[in-house]
Amino acid sequence: MLYWAAVFFIIAVIAAVLGFGGLVSASASIAQILFFIFLVLFVVSLIFGVVRRPGPPR
């Protein structure tokens, strides 16, 4: 689960650079929305990865 948290974080950073950096003015609002979506997914994945407990041995 921490792998997915890292993936979502990288996507959020890329979306932030495109959306808040003004590099692509036509799709800046879409990139800003994607930034917040993937930032939320990153936080949720990080929380689930940290609190996930290993199950009993089989």
Protein backbone atom coordinates (compact mmCIF):
# COMPACT_ATOMS: atom_id res chain seq x y z
CA MET A 1 0.00 0.00 0.00
CA LEU A 2 2.92 2.36 0.60
CA TYR A 3 3.94 1.81 -3.03
CA TRP A 4 0.61 3.27 -4.17
CA ALA A 5 1.02 6.15 -1.75
CA ALA A 6 4.32 7.00 -3.41
CA VAL A 7 2.78 6.71 -6.88
CA PHE A 8 -0.10 9.02 -5.96
CA PHE A 9 2.34 11.50 -4.42
CA ILE A 10 4.45 11.63 -7.59
CA ILE A 11 1.35 12.14 -9.74
CA ALA A 12 0.16 14.88 -7.38
CA VAL A 13 3.50 16.67 -7.62
CA ILE A 14 3.44 16.49 -11.43
CA ALA A 15 -0.11 17.83 -11.49
CA ALA A 16 0.91 20.63 -9.11
CA VAL A 17 3.81 21.67 -11.32
CA LEU A 18 1.55 21.79 -14.36
CA GLY A 19 -1.41 23.40 -12.60
CA PHE A 20 0.20 25.89 -10.27
CA GLY A 21 3.31 26.58 -12.32
CA GLY A 22 1.39 28.01 -15.24
CA LEU A 23 3.22 25.87 -17.78
CA VAL A 24 0.03 24.75 -19.48
CA SER A 25 -2.52 27.52 -19.25
CA ALA A 26 -5.31 25.68 -21.09
CA SER A 27 -5.30 22.69 -18.76
CA ALA A 28 -4.24 24.43 -15.56
CA SER A 29 -7.61 24.02 -13.87
CA ILE A 30 -7.71 20.32 -14.74
CA ALA A 31 -4.20 19.87 -13.37
CA GLN A 32 -5.15 21.66 -10.15
CA ILE A 33 -8.16 19.37 -9.70
CA LEU A 34 -6.01 16.31 -10.39
CA PHE A 35 -3.47 17.56 -7.86
CA PHE A 36 -6.04 17.64 -5.08
CA ILE A 37 -7.56 14.29 -6.09
CA PHE A 38 -4.20 12.51 -6.10
CA LEU A 39 -3.11 14.29 -2.94
CA VAL A 40 -6.17 12.90 -1.16
CA LEU A 41 -5.49 9.44 -2.61
CA PHE A 42 -1.88 9.72 -1.40
CA VAL A 43 -2.95 10.57 2.15
CA VAL A 44 -5.55 7.78 2.24
CA SER A 45 -3.06 5.23 0.89
CA LEU A 46 -0.43 6.39 3.35
CA ILE A 47 -2.84 6.05 6.28
CA PHE A 48 -3.96 2.58 5.21
CA GLY A 49 -0.34 1.53 4.68
CA VAL A 50 0.70 2.69 8.14
CA VAL A 51 -2.24 1.32 10.12
CA ARG A 52 -2.44 -1.94 8.23
CA ARG A 53 -1.56 -4.70 10.63
CA PRO A 54 -0.21 -8.06 9.51
CA GLY A 55 -2.70 -10.87 9.90
CA PRO A 56 -2.18 -13.97 12.01
CA PRO A 57 0.34 -16.47 10.61
CA ARG A 58 -1.17 -19.21 8.51
